[in-house]
Amino acid sequence: ETITIDDVSYAWRDIVTEDFEGHFDLSFLDPKQNCYAFAAVDIEWAQDETVELKLGSDDGAVVWVNGKLVHQND
């Protein structure tokens, strides 16, 4: 599957982590500057509860949960 940005198509790549806290490092991406990184995660949870998302970036970041924008930092 691909995503198109400014008429350029990019392929999705799977990242598998065995970190049980859900951490993954995107520093392997090239180029390391001026690039986009998208992550999609499906989580099934048996009950409704409040959870905490920890996100780090030295530039902009946007987060959607169930189709709703919940964080944006340009």
PDB file of N, CA and C in Angstrom:
ATOM      1  N   GLU A   1       0.853  -1.176   0.000  1.00  0.00           N
ATOM      2  CA  GLU A   1       0.000   0.000   0.000  1.00  0.00           C
ATOM      3  C   GLU A   1       0.898   1.238   0.000  1.00  0.00           C
ATOM      4  N   THR A   2       0.425   2.304  -0.637  1.00  0.00           N
ATOM      5  CA  THR A   2       1.212   3.529  -0.731  1.00  0.00           C
ATOM      6  C   THR A   2       0.394   4.729  -0.263  1.00  0.00           C
ATOM      7  N   ILE A   3       1.107   5.814   0.001  1.00  0.00           N
ATOM      8  CA  ILE A   3       0.501   7.109   0.312  1.00  0.00           C
ATOM      9  C   ILE A   3       1.139   8.120  -0.631  1.00  0.00           C
ATOM     10  N   THR A   4       0.361   9.081  -1.116  1.00  0.00           N
ATOM     11  CA  THR A   4       0.878  10.074  -2.056  1.00  0.00           C
ATOM     12  C   THR A   4       0.878  11.446  -1.403  1.00  0.00           C
ATOM     13  N   ILE A   5       2.030  12.107  -1.459  1.00  0.00           N
ATOM     14  CA  ILE A   5       2.207  13.463  -0.923  1.00  0.00           C
ATOM     15  C   ILE A   5       2.855  14.293  -2.009  1.00  0.00           C
ATOM     16  N   ASP A   6       2.242  15.405  -2.358  1.00  0.00           N
ATOM     17  CA  ASP A   6       2.774  16.283  -3.414  1.00  0.00           C
ATOM     18  C   ASP A   6       3.115  15.496  -4.680  1.00  0.00           C
ATOM     19  N   ASP A   7       2.212  14.640  -5.108  1.00  0.00           N
ATOM     20  CA  ASP A   7       2.338  13.838  -6.329  1.00  0.00           C
ATOM     21  C   ASP A   7       3.479  12.818  -6.302  1.00  0.00           C
ATOM     22  N   VAL A   8       4.010  12.515  -5.126  1.00  0.00           N
ATOM     23  CA  VAL A   8       5.039  11.482  -4.982  1.00  0.00           C
ATOM     24  C   VAL A   8       4.462  10.365  -4.126  1.00  0.00           C
ATOM     25  N   SER A   9       4.576   9.118  -4.591  1.00  0.00           N
ATOM     26  CA  SER A   9       4.048   7.973  -3.855  1.00  0.00           C
ATOM     27  C   SER A   9       5.134   7.352  -2.988  1.00  0.00           C
ATOM     28  N   TYR A  10       4.734   6.989  -1.777  1.00  0.00           N
ATOM     29  CA  TYR A  10       5.636   6.360  -0.819  1.00  0.00           C
ATOM     30  C   TYR A  10       5.004   5.055  -0.357  1.00  0.00           C
ATOM     31  N   ALA A  11       5.824   4.030  -0.160  1.00  0.00           N
ATOM     32  CA  ALA A  11       5.326   2.733   0.281  1.00  0.00           C
ATOM     33  C   ALA A  11       5.359   2.647   1.799  1.00  0.00           C
ATOM     34  N   TRP A  12       4.336   2.007   2.363  1.00  0.00           N
ATOM     35  CA  TRP A  12       4.323   1.722   3.793  1.00  0.00           C
ATOM     36  C   TRP A  12       5.360   0.647   4.076  1.00  0.00           C
ATOM     37  N   ARG A  13       6.032   0.739   5.225  1.00  0.00           N
ATOM     38  CA  ARG A  13       6.974  -0.289   5.661  1.00  0.00           C
ATOM     39  C   ARG A  13       6.574  -0.733   7.055  1.00  0.00           C
ATOM     40  N   ASP A  14       6.608  -2.024   7.269  1.00  0.00           N
ATOM     41  CA  ASP A  14       6.292  -2.547   8.597  1.00  0.00           C
ATOM     42  C   ASP A  14       7.489  -2.375   9.524  1.00  0.00           C
ATOM     43  N   ILE A  15       7.213  -1.944  10.742  1.00  0.00           N
ATOM     44  CA  ILE A  15       8.229  -1.887  11.792  1.00  0.00           C
ATOM     45  C   ILE A  15       7.711  -2.775  12.909  1.00  0.00           C
ATOM     46  N   VAL A  16       8.487  -3.765  13.263  1.00  0.00           N
ATOM     47  CA  VAL A  16       8.095  -4.682  14.321  1.00  0.00           C
ATOM     48  C   VAL A  16       8.948  -4.389  15.536  1.00  0.00           C
ATOM     49  N   THR A  17       8.301  -4.236  16.676  1.00  0.00           N
ATOM     50  CA  THR A  17       9.029  -3.993  17.913  1.00  0.00           C
ATOM     51  C   THR A  17       8.613  -5.028  18.950  1.00  0.00           C
ATOM     52  N   GLU A  18       9.558  -5.441  19.732  1.00  0.00           N
ATOM     53  CA  GLU A  18       9.249  -6.338  20.839  1.00  0.00           C
ATOM     54  C   GLU A  18       9.283  -5.577  22.160  1.00  0.00           C
ATOM     55  N   ASP A  19       9.320  -4.262  22.054  1.00  0.00           N
ATOM     56  CA  ASP A  19       9.283  -3.395  23.229  1.00  0.00           C
ATOM     57  C   ASP A  19       7.845  -3.379  23.719  1.00  0.00           C
ATOM     58  N   PHE A  20       7.586  -3.943  24.863  1.00  0.00           N
ATOM     59  CA  PHE A  20       6.213  -4.083  25.352  1.00  0.00           C
ATOM     60  C   PHE A  20       5.580  -2.760  25.765  1.00  0.00           C
ATOM     61  N   GLU A  21       6.360  -1.681  25.775  1.00  0.00           N
ATOM     62  CA  GLU A  21       5.788  -0.358  26.041  1.00  0.00           C
ATOM     63  C   GLU A  21       5.441   0.346  24.738  1.00  0.00           C
ATOM     64  N   GLY A  22       5.686  -0.295  23.604  1.00  0.00           N
ATOM     65  CA  GLY A  22       5.280   0.268  22.314  1.00  0.00           C
ATOM     66  C   GLY A  22       6.256   1.259  21.719  1.00  0.00           C
ATOM     67  N   HIS A  23       7.484   1.309  22.176  1.00  0.00           N
ATOM     68  CA  HIS A  23       8.478   2.239  21.625  1.00  0.00           C
ATOM     69  C   HIS A  23       8.992   1.745  20.280  1.00  0.00           C
ATOM     70  N   PHE A  24       9.206   2.672  19.359  1.00  0.00           N
ATOM     71  CA  PHE A  24       9.932   2.334  18.142  1.00  0.00           C
ATOM     72  C   PHE A  24      10.677   3.565  17.677  1.00  0.00           C
ATOM     73  N   ASP A  25      11.821   3.352  17.068  1.00  0.00           N
ATOM     74  CA  ASP A  25      12.754   4.408  16.695  1.00  0.00           C
ATOM     75  C   ASP A  25      12.733   4.582  15.183  1.00  0.00           C
ATOM     76  N   LEU A  26      12.463   5.794  14.712  1.00  0.00           N
ATOM     77  CA  LEU A  26      12.416   6.063  13.272  1.00  0.00           C
ATOM     78  C   LEU A  26      13.697   6.689  12.751  1.00  0.00           C
ATOM     79  N   SER A  27      14.765   6.692  13.557  1.00  0.00           N
ATOM     80  CA  SER A  27      15.996   7.359  13.137  1.00  0.00           C
ATOM     81  C   SER A  27      16.683   6.664  11.959  1.00  0.00           C
ATOM     82  N   PHE A  28      16.262   5.455  11.603  1.00  0.00           N
ATOM     83  CA  PHE A  28      16.847   4.748  10.466  1.00  0.00           C
ATOM     84  C   PHE A  28      16.378   5.312   9.129  1.00  0.00           C
ATOM     85  N   LEU A  29      15.362   6.172   9.131  1.00  0.00           N
ATOM     86  CA  LEU A  29      14.816   6.708   7.883  1.00  0.00           C
ATOM     87  C   LEU A  29      15.831   7.600   7.180  1.00  0.00           C
ATOM     88  N   ASP A  30      15.850   7.536   5.861  1.00  0.00           N
ATOM     89  CA  ASP A  30      16.720   8.395   5.056  1.00  0.00           C
ATOM     90  C   ASP A  30      15.854   9.192   4.112  1.00  0.00           C
ATOM     91  N   PRO A  31      16.076  10.450   3.901  1.00  0.00           N
ATOM     92  CA  PRO A  31      17.073  11.247   4.618  1.00  0.00           C
ATOM     93  C   PRO A  31      16.625  11.503   6.045  1.00  0.00           C
ATOM     94  N   LYS A  32      17.559  11.757   6.917  1.00  0.00           N
ATOM     95  CA  LYS A  32      17.243  11.966   8.325  1.00  0.00           C
ATOM     96  C   LYS A  32      16.705  13.377   8.589  1.00  0.00           C
ATOM     97  N   GLN A  33      16.814  14.265   7.608  1.00  0.00           N
ATOM     98  CA  GLN A  33      16.281  15.605   7.764  1.00  0.00           C
ATOM     99  C   GLN A  33      15.250  15.867   6.673  1.00  0.00           C
ATOM    100  N   ASN A  34      14.287  16.703   7.009  1.00  0.00           N
ATOM    101  CA  ASN A  34      13.256  17.112   6.054  1.00  0.00           C
ATOM    102  C   ASN A  34      12.531  15.916   5.446  1.00  0.00           C
ATOM    103  N   CYS A  35      12.066  15.018   6.286  1.00  0.00           N
ATOM    104  CA  CYS A  35      11.332  13.863   5.783  1.00  0.00           C
ATOM    105  C   CYS A  35      10.032  13.710   6.564  1.00  0.00           C
ATOM    106  N   TYR A  36       9.127  12.934   6.014  1.00  0.00           N
ATOM    107  CA  TYR A  36       7.860  12.608   6.664  1.00  0.00           C
ATOM    108  C   TYR A  36       7.941  11.193   7.205  1.00  0.00           C
ATOM    109  N   ALA A  37       7.313  10.966   8.322  1.00  0.00           N
ATOM    110  CA  ALA A  37       7.157   9.602   8.837  1.00  0.00           C
ATOM    111  C   ALA A  37       5.720   9.472   9.320  1.00  0.00           C
ATOM    112  N   PHE A  38       5.045   8.423   8.892  1.00  0.00           N
ATOM    113  CA  PHE A  38       3.673   8.156   9.278  1.00  0.00           C
ATOM    114  C   PHE A  38       3.630   6.819   9.994  1.00  0.00           C
ATOM    115  N   ALA A  39       2.861   6.747  11.043  1.00  0.00           N
ATOM    116  CA  ALA A  39       2.693   5.479  11.755  1.00  0.00           C
ATOM    117  C   ALA A  39       1.204   5.235  11.949  1.00  0.00           C
ATOM    118  N   ALA A  40       0.794   4.013  11.725  1.00  0.00           N
ATOM    119  CA  ALA A  40      -0.592   3.622  11.959  1.00  0.00           C
ATOM    120  C   ALA A  40      -0.584   2.419  12.885  1.00  0.00           C
ATOM    121  N   VAL A  41      -1.411   2.472  13.908  1.00  0.00           N
ATOM    122  CA  VAL A  41      -1.454   1.396  14.893  1.00  0.00           C
ATOM    123  C   VAL A  41      -2.905   1.033  15.156  1.00  0.00           C
ATOM    124  N   ASP A  42      -3.197  -0.249  15.134  1.00  0.00           N
ATOM    125  CA  ASP A  42      -4.513  -0.746  15.523  1.00  0.00           C
ATOM    126  C   ASP A  42      -4.387  -1.366  16.898  1.00  0.00           C
ATOM    127  N   ILE A  43      -5.191  -0.874  17.829  1.00  0.00           N
ATOM    128  CA  ILE A  43      -5.177  -1.400  19.191  1.00  0.00           C
ATOM    129  C   ILE A  43      -6.597  -1.799  19.554  1.00  0.00           C
ATOM    130  N   GLU A  44      -6.762  -3.017  19.983  1.00  0.00           N
ATOM    131  CA  GLU A  44      -8.064  -3.470  20.476  1.00  0.00           C
ATOM    132  C   GLU A  44      -7.969  -3.559  21.989  1.00  0.00           C
ATOM    133  N   TRP A  45      -8.911  -2.932  22.659  1.00  0.00           N
ATOM    134  CA  TRP A  45      -8.904  -2.892  24.117  1.00  0.00           C
ATOM    135  C   TRP A  45     -10.294  -3.256  24.602  1.00  0.00           C
ATOM    136  N   ALA A  46     -10.377  -4.087  25.587  1.00  0.00           N
ATOM    137  CA  ALA A  46     -11.670  -4.629  26.026  1.00  0.00           C
ATOM    138  C   ALA A  46     -12.533  -3.633  26.794  1.00  0.00           C
ATOM    139  N   GLN A  47     -11.970  -2.534  27.238  1.00  0.00           N
ATOM    140  CA  GLN A  47     -12.753  -1.593  28.047  1.00  0.00           C
ATOM    141  C   GLN A  47     -12.383  -0.158  27.703  1.00  0.00           C
ATOM    142  N   ASP A  48     -13.285   0.774  27.983  1.00  0.00           N
ATOM    143  CA  ASP A  48     -13.007   2.196  27.805  1.00  0.00           C
ATOM    144  C   ASP A  48     -12.213   2.692  28.997  1.00  0.00           C
ATOM    145  N   GLU A  49     -11.123   3.385  28.723  1.00  0.00           N
ATOM    146  CA  GLU A  49     -10.356   4.015  29.796  1.00  0.00           C
ATOM    147  C   GLU A  49      -9.453   5.074  29.195  1.00  0.00           C
ATOM    148  N   THR A  50      -8.972   5.956  30.004  1.00  0.00           N
ATOM    149  CA  THR A  50      -8.052   6.999  29.580  1.00  0.00           C
ATOM    150  C   THR A  50      -6.644   6.423  29.529  1.00  0.00           C
ATOM    151  N   VAL A  51      -5.935   6.690  28.426  1.00  0.00           N
ATOM    152  CA  VAL A  51      -4.561   6.232  28.282  1.00  0.00           C
ATOM    153  C   VAL A  51      -3.673   7.416  27.923  1.00  0.00           C
ATOM    154  N   GLU A  52      -2.374   7.238  28.038  1.00  0.00           N
ATOM    155  CA  GLU A  52      -1.416   8.296  27.748  1.00  0.00           C
ATOM    156  C   GLU A  52      -0.596   7.911  26.522  1.00  0.00           C
ATOM    157  N   LEU A  53      -0.481   8.828  25.574  1.00  0.00           N
ATOM    158  CA  LEU A  53       0.368   8.644  24.408  1.00  0.00           C
ATOM    159  C   LEU A  53       1.593   9.520  24.595  1.00  0.00           C
ATOM    160  N   LYS A  54       2.759   8.942  24.474  1.00  0.00           N
ATOM    161  CA  LYS A  54       4.003   9.706  24.557  1.00  0.00           C
ATOM    162  C   LYS A  54       4.589   9.787  23.159  1.00  0.00           C
ATOM    163  N   LEU A  55       4.895  10.999  22.717  1.00  0.00           N
ATOM    164  CA  LEU A  55       5.364  11.239  21.359  1.00  0.00           C
ATOM    165  C   LEU A  55       6.508  12.223  21.415  1.00  0.00           C
ATOM    166  N   GLY A  56       7.574  11.939  20.696  1.00  0.00           N
ATOM    167  CA  GLY A  56       8.699  12.861  20.639  1.00  0.00           C
ATOM    168  C   GLY A  56       9.012  13.243  19.205  1.00  0.00           C
ATOM    169  N   SER A  57       9.323  14.508  18.986  1.00  0.00           N
ATOM    170  CA  SER A  57       9.692  14.988  17.659  1.00  0.00           C
ATOM    171  C   SER A  57      10.432  16.307  17.818  1.00  0.00           C
ATOM    172  N   ASP A  58      11.412  16.557  16.949  1.00  0.00           N
ATOM    173  CA  ASP A  58      12.073  17.857  16.985  1.00  0.00           C
ATOM    174  C   ASP A  58      11.454  18.812  15.967  1.00  0.00           C
ATOM    175  N   ASP A  59      10.371  18.361  15.338  1.00  0.00           N
ATOM    176  CA  ASP A  59       9.625  19.189  14.389  1.00  0.00           C
ATOM    177  C   ASP A  59       8.137  18.994  14.657  1.00  0.00           C
ATOM    178  N   GLY A  60       7.326  19.108  13.625  1.00  0.00           N
ATOM    179  CA  GLY A  60       5.891  18.984  13.777  1.00  0.00           C
ATOM    180  C   GLY A  60       5.443  17.555  14.018  1.00  0.00           C
ATOM    181  N   ALA A  61       4.289  17.427  14.641  1.00  0.00           N
ATOM    182  CA  ALA A  61       3.683  16.114  14.879  1.00  0.00           C
ATOM    183  C   ALA A  61       2.172  16.282  14.917  1.00  0.00           C
ATOM    184  N   VAL A  62       1.471  15.305  14.374  1.00  0.00           N
ATOM    185  CA  VAL A  62       0.012  15.311  14.355  1.00  0.00           C
ATOM    186  C   VAL A  62      -0.457  13.922  14.770  1.00  0.00           C
ATOM    187  N   VAL A  63      -1.508  13.868  15.603  1.00  0.00           N
ATOM    188  CA  VAL A  63      -2.034  12.583  16.073  1.00  0.00           C
ATOM    189  C   VAL A  63      -3.549  12.572  15.913  1.00  0.00           C
ATOM    190  N   TRP A  64      -4.058  11.494  15.320  1.00  0.00           N
ATOM    191  CA  TRP A  64      -5.493  11.255  15.240  1.00  0.00           C
ATOM    192  C   TRP A  64      -5.810   9.989  16.011  1.00  0.00           C
ATOM    193  N   VAL A  65      -6.930   9.977  16.701  1.00  0.00           N
ATOM    194  CA  VAL A  65      -7.426   8.780  17.375  1.00  0.00           C
ATOM    195  C   VAL A  65      -8.860   8.567  16.911  1.00  0.00           C
ATOM    196  N   ASN A  66      -9.118   7.413  16.326  1.00  0.00           N
ATOM    197  CA  ASN A  66     -10.448   7.090  15.798  1.00  0.00           C
ATOM    198  C   ASN A  66     -10.974   8.183  14.875  1.00  0.00           C
ATOM    199  N   GLY A  67     -10.087   8.709  14.021  1.00  0.00           N
ATOM    200  CA  GLY A  67     -10.479   9.725  13.053  1.00  0.00           C
ATOM    201  C   GLY A  67     -10.599  11.130  13.602  1.00  0.00           C
ATOM    202  N   LYS A  68     -10.295  11.343  14.885  1.00  0.00           N
ATOM    203  CA  LYS A  68     -10.407  12.661  15.508  1.00  0.00           C
ATOM    204  C   LYS A  68      -9.007  13.218  15.783  1.00  0.00           C
ATOM    205  N   LEU A  69      -8.750  14.456  15.340  1.00  0.00           N
ATOM    206  CA  LEU A  69      -7.485  15.117  15.610  1.00  0.00           C
ATOM    207  C   LEU A  69      -7.380  15.408  17.105  1.00  0.00           C
ATOM    208  N   VAL A  70      -6.356  14.847  17.753  1.00  0.00           N
ATOM    209  CA  VAL A  70      -6.203  15.040  19.205  1.00  0.00           C
ATOM    210  C   VAL A  70      -4.937  15.787  19.579  1.00  0.00           C
ATOM    211  N   HIS A  71      -4.017  15.957  18.610  1.00  0.00           N
ATOM    212  CA  HIS A  71      -2.780  16.702  18.893  1.00  0.00           C
ATOM    213  C   HIS A  71      -2.212  17.219  17.575  1.00  0.00           C
ATOM    214  N   GLN A  72      -1.759  18.473  17.590  1.00  0.00           N
ATOM    215  CA  GLN A  72      -1.079  19.029  16.417  1.00  0.00           C
ATOM    216  C   GLN A  72      -0.053  20.045  16.893  1.00  0.00           C
ATOM    217  N   ASN A  73       1.179  19.880  16.438  1.00  0.00           N
ATOM    218  CA  ASN A  73       2.253  20.817  16.750  1.00  0.00           C
ATOM    219  C   ASN A  73       3.038  21.059  15.477  1.00  0.00           C
ATOM    220  N   ASP A  74       2.954  22.286  14.962  1.00  0.00           N
ATOM    221  CA  ASP A  74       3.706  22.628  13.744  1.00  0.00           C
ATOM    222  C   ASP A  74       5.111  22.964  14.139  1.00  0.00           C
TER     223      ASP A  74
END
